[in-house]
């Protein structure tokens, strides 16, 4: 026999609505290699999540790590790649967070940098409609030949979103 419990609100022992409580969590991770080799944004494979907030005033906490690499094979000084989180709901997309990976090579040779980029961001979309958060990447400088994700064996990008109740 199965049962279903439906409630409109859960109250704390003091009779007030719970706040600062995680209401739901979504997670994804990927080891799929993705390369971004133009100055236009492109999606990072496997790094998209959709959440439907239960309250309009909820906070959405986004956290995780990007395994990112930038490289240059020519005599370039400025090697600069960028990733961002794009929030989309009701057909509108908004850039809500940016992470840059940048280095300089003053010796004029090739360069390759691979690192984990941890991130945490708090968003408040003010809606109870489904909200999609996705990562995108691009080259920023002419000296960057590509910005890659999960470029090395055993690299894993991960992404967690949580709805948090607030007063």
Foldseek 3Di string as FASTA:
>chain_A
DDDDDDDDFDADPVRHGDFQDWPDKDKWKDLDKDKAFAQDKDFDPTFKDKDQDPALFWKKKKWWKWWKKWKAAWQFFKTKKKKFKWKDDPHDIDTDGMDMDIGTDPVRHIDMDTDIDIDIDIDRPRHRGMMMITMIMHTDDPRTRIMMTSPDPPGMTMMMMTIGGHD
